Structure formats: structure tokens, C-alpha cells
N, C-alpha and C. Protein backbone atom coordinates (compact mmCIF):
# COMPACT_ATOMS: atom_id res chain seq x y z
N MET A 1 12.83 27.73 -0.35
CA MET A 1 11.68 27.37 -0.15
C MET A 1 11.21 27.93 1.16
N VAL A 2 10.16 28.04 1.38
CA VAL A 2 9.27 28.49 2.39
C VAL A 2 8.50 27.57 2.76
N VAL A 3 8.87 26.78 4.39
CA VAL A 3 7.69 25.63 4.43
C VAL A 3 7.80 26.05 6.57
N ASP A 4 6.79 25.33 6.48
CA ASP A 4 5.94 25.52 7.82
C ASP A 4 7.13 24.57 8.98
N SER A 5 7.46 24.90 9.97
CA SER A 5 8.83 24.59 10.83
C SER A 5 8.02 22.80 11.13
N ASN A 6 6.84 22.98 11.34
CA ASN A 6 6.56 21.46 11.53
C ASN A 6 6.91 20.54 10.57
N TYR A 7 6.92 20.84 9.35
CA TYR A 7 6.91 20.03 8.27
C TYR A 7 8.61 19.43 8.16
N ALA A 8 9.52 20.69 8.79
CA ALA A 8 10.61 20.40 8.13
C ALA A 8 11.28 19.51 9.46
N VAL A 9 12.68 18.18 8.75
CA VAL A 9 12.94 18.18 9.64
C VAL A 9 14.54 17.68 9.35
N LYS A 10 15.43 17.92 10.52
CA LYS A 10 16.86 18.23 10.43
C LYS A 10 17.40 16.78 10.30
N LEU A 11 18.07 16.09 8.88
CA LEU A 11 18.26 14.58 8.50
C LEU A 11 19.48 14.51 9.63
N ASN A 12 20.54 15.78 9.41
CA ASN A 12 21.63 15.62 10.04
C ASN A 12 21.12 15.32 11.80
N ASP A 13 19.71 15.32 12.25
CA ASP A 13 19.71 14.89 13.71
C ASP A 13 19.38 13.23 13.81
N TYR A 14 19.27 12.60 12.31
CA TYR A 14 19.20 11.22 12.28
C TYR A 14 20.76 10.40 11.68
N ASP A 15 20.99 9.46 12.42
CA ASP A 15 22.20 9.10 11.87
C ASP A 15 22.30 7.74 10.48
N PHE A 16 21.72 8.35 9.60
CA PHE A 16 21.55 7.72 8.25
C PHE A 16 22.24 8.90 7.27
N PRO A 17 22.81 8.21 5.61
CA PRO A 17 23.07 9.14 4.87
C PRO A 17 21.77 10.14 4.31
N SER A 18 22.05 11.28 3.92
CA SER A 18 21.45 12.22 3.87
C SER A 18 20.41 12.31 2.66
N ALA A 19 20.70 11.12 1.63
CA ALA A 19 20.38 11.07 0.34
C ALA A 19 19.25 9.62 0.61
N HIS A 20 19.20 8.98 1.57
CA HIS A 20 18.02 8.42 2.29
C HIS A 20 17.09 9.17 3.03
N GLY A 21 17.21 9.93 2.76
CA GLY A 21 15.97 11.07 3.80
C GLY A 21 14.43 11.23 2.83
N CYS A 22 15.02 10.71 1.16
CA CYS A 22 13.75 10.65 0.42
C CYS A 22 12.84 9.18 0.65
N ILE A 23 12.90 8.84 1.90
CA ILE A 23 12.20 7.72 2.38
C ILE A 23 10.66 8.65 2.72
N LEU A 24 11.30 10.28 3.20
CA LEU A 24 9.87 10.91 3.53
C LEU A 24 9.29 11.37 3.24
N SER A 25 9.64 11.68 1.66
CA SER A 25 8.52 12.00 0.50
C SER A 25 7.43 11.52 0.87
N CYS A 26 6.15 11.61 -0.18
CA CYS A 26 5.28 11.32 -0.41
C CYS A 26 4.79 10.07 -0.91
N ALA A 27 5.59 9.52 -1.64
CA ALA A 27 5.36 7.94 -2.02
C ALA A 27 5.55 7.19 -1.00
N PHE A 28 6.44 7.46 -0.88
CA PHE A 28 7.14 5.97 0.33
C PHE A 28 5.87 5.99 2.03
N THR A 29 5.85 7.62 2.48
CA THR A 29 5.35 7.09 3.84
C THR A 29 3.90 7.05 3.33
N THR A 30 2.94 7.44 2.11
CA THR A 30 1.63 7.17 1.78
C THR A 30 1.99 5.55 2.20
N GLY A 31 2.71 5.19 1.25
CA GLY A 31 2.43 3.35 1.39
C GLY A 31 2.56 2.71 3.09
N TYR A 32 3.64 3.29 3.49
CA TYR A 32 4.07 2.95 4.70
C TYR A 32 2.95 3.43 5.58
N GLY A 33 2.28 4.40 5.71
CA GLY A 33 1.41 4.72 6.62
C GLY A 33 -0.07 3.54 6.17
N ALA A 34 -0.35 3.92 5.05
CA ALA A 34 -1.76 3.21 4.86
C ALA A 34 -1.81 1.50 5.32
N ALA A 35 -0.66 0.84 5.00
CA ALA A 35 -0.24 -0.27 6.27
C ALA A 35 -0.15 -0.50 7.60
N TRP A 36 0.53 0.46 7.85
CA TRP A 36 0.91 0.81 9.31
C TRP A 36 -0.16 1.11 10.39
N LEU A 37 -0.63 2.48 9.62
CA LEU A 37 -1.46 2.93 11.24
C LEU A 37 -2.69 2.36 11.06
N GLU A 38 -3.30 2.61 11.87
CA GLU A 38 -4.97 2.41 12.36
C GLU A 38 -5.35 0.82 11.94
N GLY A 39 -4.13 0.17 12.37
CA GLY A 39 -4.74 -1.42 12.76
C GLY A 39 -5.19 -2.13 11.49
N ARG A 40 -4.50 -1.38 10.55
CA ARG A 40 -5.25 -2.24 9.20
C ARG A 40 -4.53 -3.09 8.97
N VAL A 41 -3.26 -3.65 9.23
CA VAL A 41 -3.47 -5.38 9.08
C VAL A 41 -2.49 -5.58 10.18
N ARG A 42 -2.89 -7.19 9.93
CA ARG A 42 -2.93 -7.83 11.34
C ARG A 42 -2.21 -9.23 11.02
N PRO A 43 -2.00 -9.83 12.52
CA PRO A 43 -1.21 -11.06 11.90
C PRO A 43 -1.88 -12.45 11.39
N GLY A 44 -1.47 -12.55 10.14
CA GLY A 44 -2.39 -13.58 9.66
C GLY A 44 -2.71 -13.51 8.88
N ASP A 45 -2.76 -11.58 8.42
CA ASP A 45 -3.64 -11.03 6.88
C ASP A 45 -3.62 -11.49 5.89
N THR A 46 -4.25 -11.62 4.86
CA THR A 46 -4.04 -11.44 3.39
C THR A 46 -3.74 -10.08 2.91
N VAL A 47 -3.20 -9.15 2.34
CA VAL A 47 -3.10 -7.64 1.61
C VAL A 47 -2.76 -8.24 0.59
N ALA A 48 -3.91 -6.88 -0.14
CA ALA A 48 -3.69 -6.61 -1.64
C ALA A 48 -3.10 -5.70 -2.21
N VAL A 49 -2.18 -5.44 -2.74
CA VAL A 49 -1.51 -4.32 -3.04
C VAL A 49 -1.81 -3.80 -4.83
N TYR A 50 -2.70 -3.15 -5.34
CA TYR A 50 -3.29 -2.51 -6.27
C TYR A 50 -2.18 -1.32 -6.86
N GLY A 51 -1.56 -1.75 -7.43
CA GLY A 51 -0.23 -1.05 -8.02
C GLY A 51 0.96 -0.83 -6.90
N THR A 52 2.46 -1.19 -8.17
CA THR A 52 3.76 -1.34 -7.80
C THR A 52 4.58 -0.77 -7.67
N GLY A 53 3.72 0.72 -7.79
CA GLY A 53 5.02 1.98 -8.16
C GLY A 53 5.51 2.31 -6.82
N SER A 54 6.17 3.49 -6.58
CA SER A 54 6.62 3.88 -5.00
C SER A 54 5.82 3.51 -3.88
N VAL A 55 4.53 3.85 -4.22
CA VAL A 55 3.48 3.85 -3.00
C VAL A 55 3.26 2.42 -2.56
N GLY A 56 2.86 1.78 -3.83
CA GLY A 56 2.68 0.26 -3.28
C GLY A 56 3.73 -0.78 -2.80
N LEU A 57 5.00 -0.40 -3.14
CA LEU A 57 5.77 -1.06 -2.82
C LEU A 57 6.48 -0.93 -1.75
N SER A 58 5.95 0.22 -1.39
CA SER A 58 5.79 0.63 0.31
C SER A 58 5.04 0.07 1.16
N VAL A 59 4.08 -0.61 0.60
CA VAL A 59 3.29 -1.20 2.16
C VAL A 59 3.73 -2.90 2.28
N SER A 60 5.10 -3.43 1.72
CA SER A 60 5.32 -4.62 2.07
C SER A 60 6.66 -4.31 3.36
N GLU A 61 6.71 -3.46 3.53
CA GLU A 61 7.95 -3.50 4.93
C GLU A 61 7.07 -3.54 6.29
N PRO A 62 5.75 -2.92 6.36
CA PRO A 62 4.77 -2.67 7.77
C PRO A 62 4.27 -3.85 7.62
N ALA A 63 4.17 -4.35 6.04
CA ALA A 63 2.87 -5.46 6.38
C ALA A 63 3.79 -6.46 6.61
N LYS A 64 5.01 -6.83 6.44
CA LYS A 64 5.43 -7.96 7.38
C LYS A 64 5.83 -7.66 8.38
N ASP A 65 6.27 -6.41 8.74
CA ASP A 65 6.56 -6.34 10.31
C ASP A 65 5.44 -6.85 11.41
N LEU A 66 3.94 -6.49 10.67
CA LEU A 66 2.64 -6.70 11.06
C LEU A 66 2.00 -7.73 11.07
N GLY A 67 3.28 -8.69 10.73
CA GLY A 67 2.61 -9.90 10.84
C GLY A 67 1.72 -11.01 9.46
N ALA A 68 1.76 -10.29 8.28
CA ALA A 68 0.82 -10.42 6.98
C ALA A 68 1.21 -11.58 6.43
N LYS A 69 0.60 -12.96 6.46
CA LYS A 69 1.18 -14.02 5.68
C LYS A 69 1.03 -14.03 3.68
N LYS A 70 0.35 -12.81 3.58
CA LYS A 70 0.42 -13.37 2.44
C LYS A 70 0.52 -11.55 1.88
N ILE A 71 1.08 -11.20 0.46
CA ILE A 71 1.01 -9.92 0.29
C ILE A 71 1.26 -10.00 -1.00
N ILE A 72 -0.08 -9.47 -2.14
CA ILE A 72 -0.12 -9.71 -3.29
C ILE A 72 -0.10 -8.11 -3.81
N GLY A 73 1.03 -8.31 -4.48
CA GLY A 73 1.06 -7.12 -5.56
C GLY A 73 0.56 -7.29 -7.03
N ILE A 74 -0.05 -6.22 -7.46
CA ILE A 74 -1.23 -6.22 -8.70
C ILE A 74 -0.39 -4.80 -9.49
N ASP A 75 -0.34 -5.51 -10.70
CA ASP A 75 0.46 -4.09 -11.85
C ASP A 75 0.16 -4.71 -13.06
N LYS A 76 0.09 -3.65 -14.11
CA LYS A 76 0.06 -4.20 -15.55
C LYS A 76 1.64 -4.49 -16.13
N ASN A 77 2.51 -4.12 -15.18
CA ASN A 77 3.69 -3.62 -15.66
C ASN A 77 4.68 -5.10 -15.35
N GLU A 78 4.87 -5.98 -16.16
CA GLU A 78 5.48 -7.41 -15.78
C GLU A 78 7.00 -7.34 -15.03
N ARG A 79 7.77 -5.93 -15.69
CA ARG A 79 9.18 -5.94 -15.08
C ARG A 79 8.95 -5.42 -13.54
N LYS A 80 7.77 -5.01 -13.08
CA LYS A 80 7.90 -4.66 -11.58
C LYS A 80 7.62 -6.25 -10.93
N ARG A 81 7.56 -7.23 -11.26
CA ARG A 81 7.30 -8.75 -10.95
C ARG A 81 8.49 -8.37 -9.49
N GLN A 82 9.59 -8.71 -10.06
CA GLN A 82 11.06 -9.22 -9.76
C GLN A 82 11.16 -7.77 -8.06
N VAL A 83 11.00 -6.89 -8.76
CA VAL A 83 10.87 -6.08 -7.35
C VAL A 83 10.08 -6.10 -6.43
N ALA A 84 9.08 -6.04 -6.72
CA ALA A 84 8.23 -6.78 -5.48
C ALA A 84 8.07 -7.90 -4.85
N LEU A 85 8.69 -8.52 -5.57
CA LEU A 85 8.45 -10.06 -5.06
C LEU A 85 9.96 -9.41 -3.76
N SER A 86 11.05 -9.16 -4.50
CA SER A 86 12.11 -8.97 -3.61
C SER A 86 11.96 -8.03 -2.00
N LEU A 87 11.01 -7.28 -2.38
CA LEU A 87 10.60 -6.34 -1.16
C LEU A 87 9.68 -7.04 -0.21
N GLY A 88 9.58 -7.71 -0.30
CA GLY A 88 8.43 -8.78 0.68
C GLY A 88 7.19 -9.51 -0.53
N ALA A 89 6.41 -9.16 -1.25
CA ALA A 89 5.34 -9.64 -1.67
C ALA A 89 5.71 -11.35 -1.83
N THR A 90 4.73 -11.57 -1.88
CA THR A 90 4.56 -13.17 -2.13
C THR A 90 3.96 -13.52 -3.35
N ASP A 91 3.43 -12.92 -3.77
CA ASP A 91 2.88 -13.28 -4.69
C ASP A 91 2.80 -12.06 -5.51
N PHE A 92 2.32 -12.22 -7.24
CA PHE A 92 2.30 -10.90 -8.13
C PHE A 92 1.42 -11.39 -8.84
N ILE A 93 0.34 -10.31 -9.21
CA ILE A 93 -0.46 -10.33 -10.70
C ILE A 93 -0.49 -10.12 -11.78
N ASN A 94 -0.01 -9.95 -12.63
CA ASN A 94 -0.14 -9.14 -13.91
C ASN A 94 -1.49 -9.00 -14.72
N SER A 95 -1.86 -7.53 -14.05
CA SER A 95 -3.73 -7.29 -14.14
C SER A 95 -3.42 -7.33 -15.55
N GLU A 96 -2.59 -7.69 -16.66
CA GLU A 96 -2.75 -7.52 -18.41
C GLU A 96 -2.56 -9.18 -18.87
N GLY A 97 -2.43 -9.73 -17.57
CA GLY A 97 -2.14 -11.72 -18.86
C GLY A 97 -3.32 -12.30 -18.01
N LEU A 98 -4.54 -11.90 -17.73
CA LEU A 98 -5.42 -12.42 -16.89
C LEU A 98 -6.73 -13.34 -17.71
N GLY A 99 -6.38 -13.20 -19.36
CA GLY A 99 -7.83 -12.97 -20.07
C GLY A 99 -8.97 -12.90 -19.90
N THR A 100 -10.10 -13.60 -19.71
CA THR A 100 -11.03 -13.63 -19.24
C THR A 100 -11.46 -13.06 -17.67
N MET A 101 -10.74 -13.49 -17.02
CA MET A 101 -10.73 -12.83 -15.37
C MET A 101 -10.38 -11.86 -15.16
N THR A 102 -11.20 -11.08 -14.42
CA THR A 102 -10.62 -9.62 -13.38
C THR A 102 -9.68 -9.83 -12.58
N VAL A 103 -9.24 -8.78 -12.12
CA VAL A 103 -8.03 -8.77 -11.06
C VAL A 103 -8.42 -9.43 -9.50
N SER A 104 -9.44 -8.72 -9.21
CA SER A 104 -10.51 -9.34 -8.47
C SER A 104 -10.85 -10.91 -8.42
N ASP A 105 -11.08 -11.39 -9.53
CA ASP A 105 -11.15 -12.67 -9.15
C ASP A 105 -10.18 -13.94 -8.87
N LYS A 106 -8.94 -12.82 -9.79
CA LYS A 106 -7.58 -12.99 -9.30
C LYS A 106 -7.24 -13.40 -7.43
N VAL A 107 -7.48 -12.34 -7.26
CA VAL A 107 -6.91 -12.39 -5.97
C VAL A 107 -7.86 -13.27 -5.27
N MET A 108 -9.71 -13.48 -5.49
CA MET A 108 -10.32 -14.71 -4.89
C MET A 108 -9.87 -15.81 -5.06
N GLU A 109 -9.05 -15.90 -6.29
CA GLU A 109 -8.53 -17.29 -6.62
C GLU A 109 -7.28 -17.41 -5.42
N LEU A 110 -6.01 -16.58 -5.39
CA LEU A 110 -4.92 -16.86 -4.39
C LEU A 110 -5.73 -16.42 -3.25
N THR A 111 -6.65 -16.34 -2.55
CA THR A 111 -6.80 -16.13 -1.16
C THR A 111 -8.13 -17.70 -0.94
N GLY A 112 -8.49 -18.27 -1.63
CA GLY A 112 -9.16 -19.41 -1.63
C GLY A 112 -10.54 -19.38 -1.96
N GLY A 113 -11.04 -17.63 -2.28
CA GLY A 113 -12.49 -17.49 -2.53
C GLY A 113 -12.75 -16.65 -1.39
N LYS A 114 -12.11 -16.20 -0.48
CA LYS A 114 -12.33 -15.64 0.70
C LYS A 114 -12.18 -14.10 0.62
N GLY A 115 -11.21 -13.71 -0.11
CA GLY A 115 -11.07 -12.52 -0.49
C GLY A 115 -9.95 -11.73 0.34
N ALA A 116 -9.43 -10.81 0.23
CA ALA A 116 -8.27 -9.99 1.21
C ALA A 116 -8.63 -9.37 2.21
N ASP A 117 -7.70 -9.26 3.46
CA ASP A 117 -8.09 -8.84 4.75
C ASP A 117 -8.06 -7.23 4.86
N CYS A 118 -7.14 -6.93 3.51
CA CYS A 118 -6.96 -5.35 3.23
C CYS A 118 -6.23 -5.10 2.24
N CYS A 119 -7.06 -3.95 1.33
CA CYS A 119 -6.65 -3.86 0.13
C CYS A 119 -6.30 -2.24 -0.19
N ILE A 120 -5.21 -2.21 -0.67
CA ILE A 120 -4.77 -1.18 -0.70
C ILE A 120 -4.81 -0.64 -1.99
N GLU A 121 -4.87 0.56 -2.15
CA GLU A 121 -5.16 0.95 -3.94
C GLU A 121 -3.89 2.22 -4.05
N ALA A 122 -3.05 1.84 -4.90
CA ALA A 122 -2.07 3.03 -4.84
C ALA A 122 -1.35 2.94 -6.27
N SER A 123 -2.66 2.69 -7.26
CA SER A 123 -2.03 3.27 -8.39
C SER A 123 -2.76 4.97 -8.76
N GLY A 124 -3.97 4.62 -8.42
CA GLY A 124 -4.96 5.80 -8.37
C GLY A 124 -5.86 5.83 -9.52
N SER A 125 -5.90 4.17 -10.24
CA SER A 125 -7.15 4.26 -11.40
C SER A 125 -7.98 3.90 -10.99
N ASP A 126 -9.30 4.65 -11.43
CA ASP A 126 -10.50 4.02 -11.04
C ASP A 126 -11.12 2.93 -11.11
N ALA A 127 -10.85 2.22 -12.28
CA ALA A 127 -10.74 0.47 -12.62
C ALA A 127 -10.57 -0.14 -11.15
N LEU A 128 -9.07 0.11 -11.20
CA LEU A 128 -8.84 -0.40 -10.22
C LEU A 128 -9.32 -0.29 -8.52
N MET A 129 -9.83 0.87 -7.92
CA MET A 129 -10.31 0.95 -7.12
C MET A 129 -11.66 0.47 -6.89
N ASN A 130 -12.06 -0.39 -7.88
CA ASN A 130 -13.71 -0.75 -7.87
C ASN A 130 -13.77 -2.05 -7.92
N GLU A 131 -11.81 -2.89 -8.34
CA GLU A 131 -11.13 -4.11 -8.27
C GLU A 131 -10.69 -4.21 -7.08
N ALA A 132 -10.25 -3.18 -6.15
CA ALA A 132 -9.88 -3.47 -4.64
C ALA A 132 -11.25 -3.84 -3.85
N VAL A 133 -12.20 -2.83 -3.99
CA VAL A 133 -13.40 -3.37 -3.25
C VAL A 133 -13.68 -5.11 -3.35
N LYS A 134 -13.63 -5.23 -4.80
CA LYS A 134 -14.26 -6.27 -5.14
C LYS A 134 -13.98 -7.46 -4.34
N SER A 135 -12.15 -7.31 -4.09
CA SER A 135 -11.78 -8.37 -3.64
C SER A 135 -11.56 -8.93 -2.74
N ALA A 136 -11.92 -7.53 -1.05
CA ALA A 136 -11.66 -7.47 -0.50
C ALA A 136 -12.92 -8.47 0.34
N LEU A 137 -12.70 -8.89 1.70
CA LEU A 137 -12.88 -10.06 2.56
C LEU A 137 -14.20 -9.61 2.70
N PRO A 138 -15.51 -10.42 2.38
CA PRO A 138 -17.07 -9.53 2.78
C PRO A 138 -16.58 -9.79 4.74
N GLY A 139 -17.90 -8.26 5.14
CA GLY A 139 -17.64 -7.98 6.36
C GLY A 139 -16.56 -8.02 7.25
N LYS A 140 -15.46 -7.70 6.77
CA LYS A 140 -13.88 -7.30 7.78
C LYS A 140 -13.05 -6.61 7.23
N ALA A 141 -12.96 -6.57 5.85
CA ALA A 141 -11.72 -6.08 5.13
C ALA A 141 -12.34 -4.79 4.93
N GLU A 142 -10.96 -3.89 5.05
CA GLU A 142 -11.03 -1.91 4.46
C GLU A 142 -10.25 -1.82 3.55
N THR A 143 -10.76 -1.02 2.31
CA THR A 143 -10.12 -0.73 1.26
C THR A 143 -9.56 0.61 1.59
N VAL A 144 -8.22 0.97 1.32
CA VAL A 144 -7.82 2.00 1.62
C VAL A 144 -7.17 2.52 -0.15
N ILE A 145 -7.40 3.74 -0.16
CA ILE A 145 -7.17 4.71 -1.59
C ILE A 145 -6.61 5.42 -1.21
N CYS A 146 -5.14 5.12 -2.14
CA CYS A 146 -4.04 6.26 -2.03
C CYS A 146 -3.79 6.98 -3.03
N GLY A 147 -4.43 6.35 -4.17
CA GLY A 147 -4.50 7.66 -5.12
C GLY A 147 -5.59 8.39 -5.68
N ALA A 148 -5.04 9.42 -5.94
CA ALA A 148 -6.07 10.56 -6.07
C ALA A 148 -6.87 10.66 -8.08
N GLY A 149 -6.71 9.53 -8.21
CA GLY A 149 -7.38 9.13 -9.52
C GLY A 149 -6.10 9.84 -10.83
N ILE A 150 -6.71 9.18 -11.93
CA ILE A 150 -5.58 9.64 -13.08
C ILE A 150 -6.06 10.94 -13.81
N PHE A 151 -7.80 10.52 -14.13
CA PHE A 151 -8.05 11.58 -15.38
C PHE A 151 -9.15 12.15 -14.28
N PRO A 152 -9.52 13.43 -14.90
CA PRO A 152 -10.43 14.11 -14.19
C PRO A 152 -12.08 13.75 -13.88
N ASP A 153 -12.19 12.79 -15.05
CA ASP A 153 -13.74 12.28 -15.08
C ASP A 153 -13.57 11.29 -14.37
N ASP A 154 -12.09 10.39 -13.32
CA ASP A 154 -12.53 9.04 -12.88
C ASP A 154 -13.66 8.84 -11.78
N LYS A 155 -14.29 7.46 -12.27
CA LYS A 155 -15.57 7.73 -11.63
C LYS A 155 -15.64 6.52 -10.35
N LEU A 156 -16.23 6.32 -9.69
CA LEU A 156 -15.78 5.10 -8.75
C LEU A 156 -17.43 4.57 -9.19
N LYS A 157 -17.64 3.17 -9.16
CA LYS A 157 -18.59 2.69 -9.12
C LYS A 157 -18.95 0.83 -8.23
N LEU A 158 -19.05 0.93 -7.14
CA LEU A 158 -19.13 0.25 -6.20
C LEU A 158 -20.01 -0.61 -5.86
N ASP A 159 -19.28 -2.03 -5.90
CA ASP A 159 -20.00 -3.18 -4.72
C ASP A 159 -20.72 -2.66 -3.72
N PHE A 160 -21.70 -2.61 -3.98
CA PHE A 160 -22.51 -1.82 -2.28
C PHE A 160 -22.75 -3.28 -1.57
N SER A 161 -22.51 -4.50 -2.04
CA SER A 161 -22.83 -5.69 -0.96
C SER A 161 -22.01 -5.65 -0.07
N LYS A 162 -20.72 -5.40 -0.47
CA LYS A 162 -19.23 -5.72 0.27
C LYS A 162 -19.85 -4.49 1.85
N PHE A 163 -20.03 -2.98 1.17
CA PHE A 163 -20.61 -2.53 2.48
C PHE A 163 -21.66 -2.83 3.27
N LEU A 164 -23.00 -3.31 2.58
CA LEU A 164 -23.65 -3.78 3.66
C LEU A 164 -23.82 -5.38 4.44
N PHE A 165 -22.31 -6.10 3.95
CA PHE A 165 -22.07 -6.56 4.84
C PHE A 165 -20.72 -6.18 6.31
N GLY A 166 -20.63 -5.01 5.68
CA GLY A 166 -19.95 -4.00 6.98
C GLY A 166 -18.30 -3.99 6.49
N ASN A 167 -18.19 -3.74 4.96
CA ASN A 167 -16.35 -3.13 4.56
C ASN A 167 -16.63 -1.66 5.06
N LYS A 168 -15.47 -1.40 4.99
CA LYS A 168 -15.26 0.05 4.84
C LYS A 168 -14.53 0.48 3.38
N MET A 169 -14.26 1.85 3.41
CA MET A 169 -13.05 2.35 2.63
C MET A 169 -13.20 3.58 3.02
N THR A 170 -11.65 3.88 3.06
CA THR A 170 -10.78 5.34 3.87
C THR A 170 -10.20 5.84 2.53
N GLY A 171 -10.08 7.26 2.79
CA GLY A 171 -8.91 7.89 1.84
C GLY A 171 -7.79 7.74 2.81
N CYS A 172 -6.47 7.97 2.09
CA CYS A 172 -4.99 8.23 2.87
C CYS A 172 -4.11 8.71 2.17
N ILE A 173 -4.10 10.42 2.59
CA ILE A 173 -3.18 11.36 1.83
C ILE A 173 -1.83 11.51 3.34
N TYR A 174 -0.98 10.78 2.35
CA TYR A 174 0.36 10.87 3.21
C TYR A 174 1.08 10.15 4.54
N GLY A 175 -0.29 8.85 4.08
CA GLY A 175 -0.29 7.57 5.00
C GLY A 175 -0.67 7.91 6.18
N ARG A 176 -1.93 8.64 6.48
CA ARG A 176 -2.27 9.53 7.65
C ARG A 176 -1.05 9.51 9.07
N VAL A 177 0.40 9.39 8.11
CA VAL A 177 1.06 9.85 9.20
C VAL A 177 1.67 11.41 9.60
N LYS A 178 1.49 11.22 11.00
CA LYS A 178 1.21 12.77 11.78
C LYS A 178 3.01 12.82 12.27
N ILE A 179 3.07 14.50 11.90
CA ILE A 179 4.87 14.84 11.69
C ILE A 179 5.28 14.88 13.05
N LYS A 180 4.66 14.94 14.01
CA LYS A 180 5.24 14.91 15.41
C LYS A 180 5.06 13.71 15.86
N SER A 181 3.99 12.55 16.24
CA SER A 181 3.64 11.59 16.22
C SER A 181 4.34 10.16 16.08
N ASP A 182 4.17 10.34 14.37
CA ASP A 182 4.44 9.54 13.77
C ASP A 182 5.73 9.11 13.31
N LEU A 183 6.46 10.35 12.80
CA LEU A 183 7.21 10.52 12.05
C LEU A 183 8.45 10.16 12.56
N PRO A 184 8.99 10.23 13.54
CA PRO A 184 10.08 9.98 14.48
C PRO A 184 10.56 8.72 14.27
N PHE A 185 9.35 8.03 14.50
CA PHE A 185 9.18 6.44 14.33
C PHE A 185 9.48 5.69 12.71
N VAL A 186 9.22 6.48 11.60
CA VAL A 186 9.78 6.18 10.18
C VAL A 186 11.16 6.36 10.44
N LEU A 187 11.38 7.53 10.81
CA LEU A 187 12.83 7.88 11.00
C LEU A 187 14.21 6.78 11.86
N GLU A 188 13.30 6.38 12.74
CA GLU A 188 13.84 5.29 13.72
C GLU A 188 14.39 4.52 12.56
N LYS A 189 13.16 3.80 12.21
CA LYS A 189 12.92 2.80 11.17
C LYS A 189 14.66 2.94 10.28
N ALA A 190 14.45 4.07 9.30
CA ALA A 190 15.25 4.11 8.40
C ALA A 190 16.76 4.18 8.89
N LYS A 191 16.69 4.26 9.96
CA LYS A 191 18.36 4.18 10.42
C LYS A 191 19.01 2.89 10.57
N GLN A 192 17.63 1.79 10.04
CA GLN A 192 18.30 0.68 10.28
C GLN A 192 18.66 0.12 8.89
N PRO A 193 19.66 -0.84 9.07
CA PRO A 193 20.47 -1.13 7.87
C PRO A 193 19.60 -1.90 7.03
N VAL A 194 18.87 -2.93 7.28
CA VAL A 194 17.88 -3.97 6.87
C VAL A 194 16.64 -3.50 5.98
N PHE A 195 16.48 -2.18 6.89
CA PHE A 195 15.55 -1.46 6.46
C PHE A 195 15.74 -0.61 4.39
N TRP A 196 16.90 -0.13 5.20
CA TRP A 196 16.95 1.17 3.81
C TRP A 196 17.70 0.31 2.75
N LEU A 197 18.44 -1.17 3.28
CA LEU A 197 19.01 -1.62 2.32
C LEU A 197 18.46 -1.97 1.09
N ASN A 198 17.11 -2.37 1.62
CA ASN A 198 16.10 -3.21 0.85
C ASN A 198 15.93 -2.31 -0.30
N TYR A 199 15.66 -1.21 -0.13
CA TYR A 199 15.09 0.21 -0.94
C TYR A 199 16.10 0.81 -1.81
N PHE A 200 16.96 0.31 -1.54
CA PHE A 200 18.46 1.38 -2.82
C PHE A 200 18.89 0.23 -2.90
N TYR A 201 19.60 -0.63 -2.70
CA TYR A 201 20.25 -1.41 -3.05
C TYR A 201 20.17 -2.86 -3.89
């Protein structure tokens, strides 16, 4: 395979097992960067993570480092509850076990009716993208879309009232991690046993 040298990293330059180099893949770095970069998560924030696959699970570590007080993992797969909680989520919502409530209703309930300070959509579901916007704190929150959609005809039907109050939505490919300036930081983090032991053991 031929790649541009700007996108190649010599793992033997870093002091950790080469198998752990998988954290440089799209999934981990996207979730990490979505929370870490651009000042999205601040001390005391509540972060709602829609989808707890490899991208969504990677949000907890930087969110904790940045001082988030509550990290809400959201998924329809109950088996992901324990994994999400072990990696730093403080709460977990099973989106298929809510009865007549919507996911955004439940997030609002867990935040005392205020909404989340930062919503990160990592499932690729258009329905959950809309729910992420609805659960955002009015006038402040940013909703970050990491998933590209699951089906070709996926559409967003947004709650415009949130944007009238000043909320934002942004896309996030590869976590917006810059290869030369940001990736060395992620690599240095990966050298810390506490960091990678959480993900591999």
C-alpha cells in the first residue's frame, strides 16, 4: 500500500506495543478528537454520547481529562452498558427500553431538564442525530456529528429553535486531529499504561 508520508507514523519511535497502534485508527481518533479539540468539553460539563461503538467509547477518556462531570452513553445494545460505564460513562441509556419517552427526553431528565452541554453523535443514525440536537442545552451546546449516515436516503430534520438560541452543529472527520500538531499528543497519551490498559484489558 502506498500512503503519503504525512500520514505515516513509525510506531517503533514510540514506547508501546505495536498492537496498541490501533488507537490511531479512524474510530478511536475520531471519538477522542471530537471531545478533545476546539474547546468542546469544559470542566463541569455534561456530555451525551449517541452510540457506544468504538467511536463513542473513545469520547470518555478526553471528556474525563477535561473535567466533564457527567458522561451519558446512549445505545440500543444493552451489552454495551458495562463497557461504557467501565470506560468512564457515568450513565447509560438503552434507547430501546424507554417506552413512550424519546432518547432526548431521557437526556433532559438526567440533566434536570437543562440538556447536555455537548452532544456527540457517533452512531451514524439520522434519527439519533436529530435526538442529539434536541437534547442539547439551549443557547450554549454544540452537537458534533461523527457518523456519516447509515443509509443513502438518511435525512436530518432539525429542531430549529435550538439554533435560534445560538446552538451549533459541526461535522467531525477523524476527530479533526491534525497529523503533525495533534497526533503526537495522542501518541504520547497512548504511552501511558493507565490510558491503554482501559481499552485493551
